[in-house]
C-alpha atoms as a PDB file:
ATOM      1  CA  MET A   1       0.000   0.000   0.000  1.00  0.00           C
ATOM      2  CA  ASP A   2       2.950   2.385   0.417  1.00  0.00           C
ATOM      3  CA  CYS A   3       3.359   2.616  -3.354  1.00  0.00           C
ATOM      4  CA  LYS A   4      -0.350   3.330  -3.824  1.00  0.00           C
ATOM      5  CA  ILE A   5      -0.246   6.044  -1.156  1.00  0.00           C
ATOM      6  CA  THR A   6       2.764   7.634  -2.853  1.00  0.00           C
ATOM      7  CA  TYR A   7       1.074   7.441  -6.256  1.00  0.00           C
ATOM      8  CA  ASP A   8      -2.108   9.029  -4.898  1.00  0.00           C
ATOM      9  CA  ALA A   9      -0.125  11.793  -3.185  1.00  0.00           C
ATOM     10  CA  PHE A  10       1.840  12.503  -6.352  1.00  0.00           C
ATOM     11  CA  HIS A  11      -1.370  12.976  -8.347  1.00  0.00           C
ATOM     12  CA  SER A  12      -3.248  14.830  -5.610  1.00  0.00           C
ATOM     13  CA  GLN A  13      -3.936  18.548  -5.836  1.00  0.00           C
ATOM     14  CA  LYS A  14      -4.196  18.875  -2.040  1.00  0.00           C
ATOM     15  CA  ASP A  15      -1.455  20.541  -0.032  1.00  0.00           C
ATOM     16  CA  ASN A  16       0.320  18.278   2.430  1.00  0.00           C
ATOM     17  CA  ILE A  17       2.483  20.152   4.936  1.00  0.00           C
ATOM     18  CA  SER A  18       4.129  17.030   6.329  1.00  0.00           C
ATOM     19  CA  GLU A  19       7.700  16.012   5.468  1.00  0.00           C
ATOM     20  CA  PHE A  20       6.246  13.418   3.107  1.00  0.00           C
ATOM     21  CA  GLY A  21       4.235  16.175   1.405  1.00  0.00           C
ATOM     22  CA  HIS A  22       7.354  18.280   0.918  1.00  0.00           C
ATOM     23  CA  ILE A  23       9.163  15.345  -0.673  1.00  0.00           C
ATOM     24  CA  ILE A  24       6.214  14.693  -2.986  1.00  0.00           C
ATOM     25  CA  SER A  25       6.078  18.394  -3.896  1.00  0.00           C
ATOM     26  CA  ALA A  26       9.790  18.374  -4.752  1.00  0.00           C
ATOM     27  CA  CYS A  27       9.283  15.244  -6.871  1.00  0.00           C
ATOM     28  CA  GLN A  28       6.342  16.850  -8.695  1.00  0.00           C
ATOM     29  CA  SER A  29       8.425  19.930  -9.438  1.00  0.00           C
ATOM     30  CA  LEU A  30      11.389  17.892 -10.638  1.00  0.00           C
ATOM     31  CA  PHE A  31       9.149  15.651 -12.682  1.00  0.00           C
ATOM     32  CA  SER A  32       7.333  18.513 -14.424  1.00  0.00           C
ATOM     33  CA  THR A  33      10.663  20.182 -15.253  1.00  0.00           C
ATOM     34  CA  HIS A  34      12.830  17.253 -16.365  1.00  0.00           C
ATOM     35  CA  PHE A  35      10.498  14.385 -17.233  1.00  0.00           C
ATOM     36  CA  THR A  36       7.869  16.029 -19.434  1.00  0.00           C
ATOM     37  CA  ASN A  37       7.478  12.953 -21.671  1.00  0.00           C
ATOM     38  CA  SER A  38       6.996  10.580 -18.740  1.00  0.00           C
ATOM     39  CA  ARG A  39       4.250   9.712 -16.292  1.00  0.00           C
ATOM     40  CA  VAL A  40       3.909   8.201 -12.842  1.00  0.00           C
ATOM     41  CA  GLU A  41       1.728   5.106 -12.663  1.00  0.00           C
ATOM     42  CA  PHE A  42       0.822   2.553 -10.037  1.00  0.00           C
ATOM     43  CA  SER A  43       1.288  -1.139 -10.774  1.00  0.00           C
ATOM     44  CA  ARG A  44       0.130  -3.888  -8.483  1.00  0.00           C
ATOM     45  CA  ARG A  45       2.768  -6.192  -7.004  1.00  0.00           C
ATOM     46  CA  GLN A  46       1.797  -9.052  -9.331  1.00  0.00           C
ATOM     47  CA  VAL A  47       2.516  -6.893 -12.382  1.00  0.00           C
ATOM     48  CA  ASN A  48       5.898  -5.973 -10.944  1.00  0.00           C
ATOM     49  CA  ALA A  49       6.630  -9.659 -10.356  1.00  0.00           C
ATOM     50  CA  ALA A  50       5.816 -10.461 -13.989  1.00  0.00           C
ATOM     51  CA  ALA A  51       7.942  -7.547 -15.251  1.00  0.00           C
ATOM     52  CA  HIS A  52      10.837  -8.641 -13.005  1.00  0.00           C
ATOM     53  CA  ALA A  53      10.596 -12.229 -14.284  1.00  0.00           C
ATOM     54  CA  LEU A  54      10.488 -11.088 -17.910  1.00  0.00           C
ATOM     55  CA  GLY A  55      13.456  -8.794 -17.318  1.00  0.00           C
ATOM     56  CA  GLY A  56      15.446 -11.669 -15.879  1.00  0.00           C
ATOM     57  CA  GLU A  57      14.520 -13.846 -18.820  1.00  0.00           C
ATOM     58  CA  ALA A  58      15.479 -11.130 -21.315  1.00  0.00           C
ATOM     59  CA  THR A  59      19.008 -10.800 -19.930  1.00  0.00           C
ATOM     60  CA  SER A  60      19.632 -14.490 -20.595  1.00  0.00           C
ATOM     61  CA  LEU A  61      18.575 -14.307 -24.264  1.00  0.00           C
ATOM     62  CA  ALA A  62      21.082 -13.564 -27.020  1.00  0.00           C
ATOM     63  CA  SER A  63      18.576 -11.912 -29.381  1.00  0.00           C
ATOM     64  CA  PRO A  64      15.093 -10.332 -29.291  1.00  0.00           C
ATOM     65  CA  VAL A  65      12.165 -12.730 -28.898  1.00  0.00           C
ATOM     66  CA  ILE A  66       8.486 -12.337 -29.740  1.00  0.00           C
ATOM     67  CA  TYR A  67       6.241 -14.510 -27.590  1.00  0.00           C
ATOM     68  CA  PHE A  68       2.994 -15.756 -29.132  1.00  0.00           C
ATOM     69  CA  ASN A  69       2.037 -17.661 -25.981  1.00  0.00           C
ATOM     70  CA  ILE A  70       2.523 -16.870 -22.300  1.00  0.00           C
ATOM     71  CA  PRO A  71       6.230 -17.339 -21.525  1.00  0.00           C
ATOM     72  CA  ARG A  72       6.972 -20.058 -18.978  1.00  0.00           C
ATOM     73  CA  CYS A  73       8.809 -17.569 -16.769  1.00  0.00           C
ATOM     74  CA  ILE A  74       5.545 -15.715 -15.976  1.00  0.00           C
ATOM     75  CA  ASN A  75       2.997 -18.502 -16.509  1.00  0.00           C
ATOM     76  CA  ASN A  76       2.624 -19.234 -12.760  1.00  0.00           C
ATOM     77  CA  ILE A  77       2.355 -15.550 -11.880  1.00  0.00           C
ATOM     78  CA  ILE A  78      -0.485 -15.055 -14.345  1.00  0.00           C
ATOM     79  CA  PHE A  79      -2.197 -18.305 -13.387  1.00  0.00           C
ATOM     80  CA  ASN A  80      -2.108 -17.448  -9.672  1.00  0.00           C
ATOM     81  CA  GLU A  81      -3.581 -14.018 -10.405  1.00  0.00           C
ATOM     82  CA  MET A  82      -6.529 -15.619 -12.186  1.00  0.00           C
ATOM     83  CA  LEU A  83      -7.485 -17.702  -9.128  1.00  0.00           C
END
């Protein structure tokens, strides 16, 4: 939930005078100045697990691969999410 709270704070228009709010404000300022072609999004833990597994798989491959079926490295992650 910490990531979701941070995401919500980043996209909030409310002022937060806490230390956390000041950090978020600094991040918003930095982001709007230097990362204009980027966005902040929230991804659930399961999505991060799948991305991490695919990243690990990609580093072991010698050339680009196009998957037409669910790769074995994330099959269990996706299956468990469907339960």
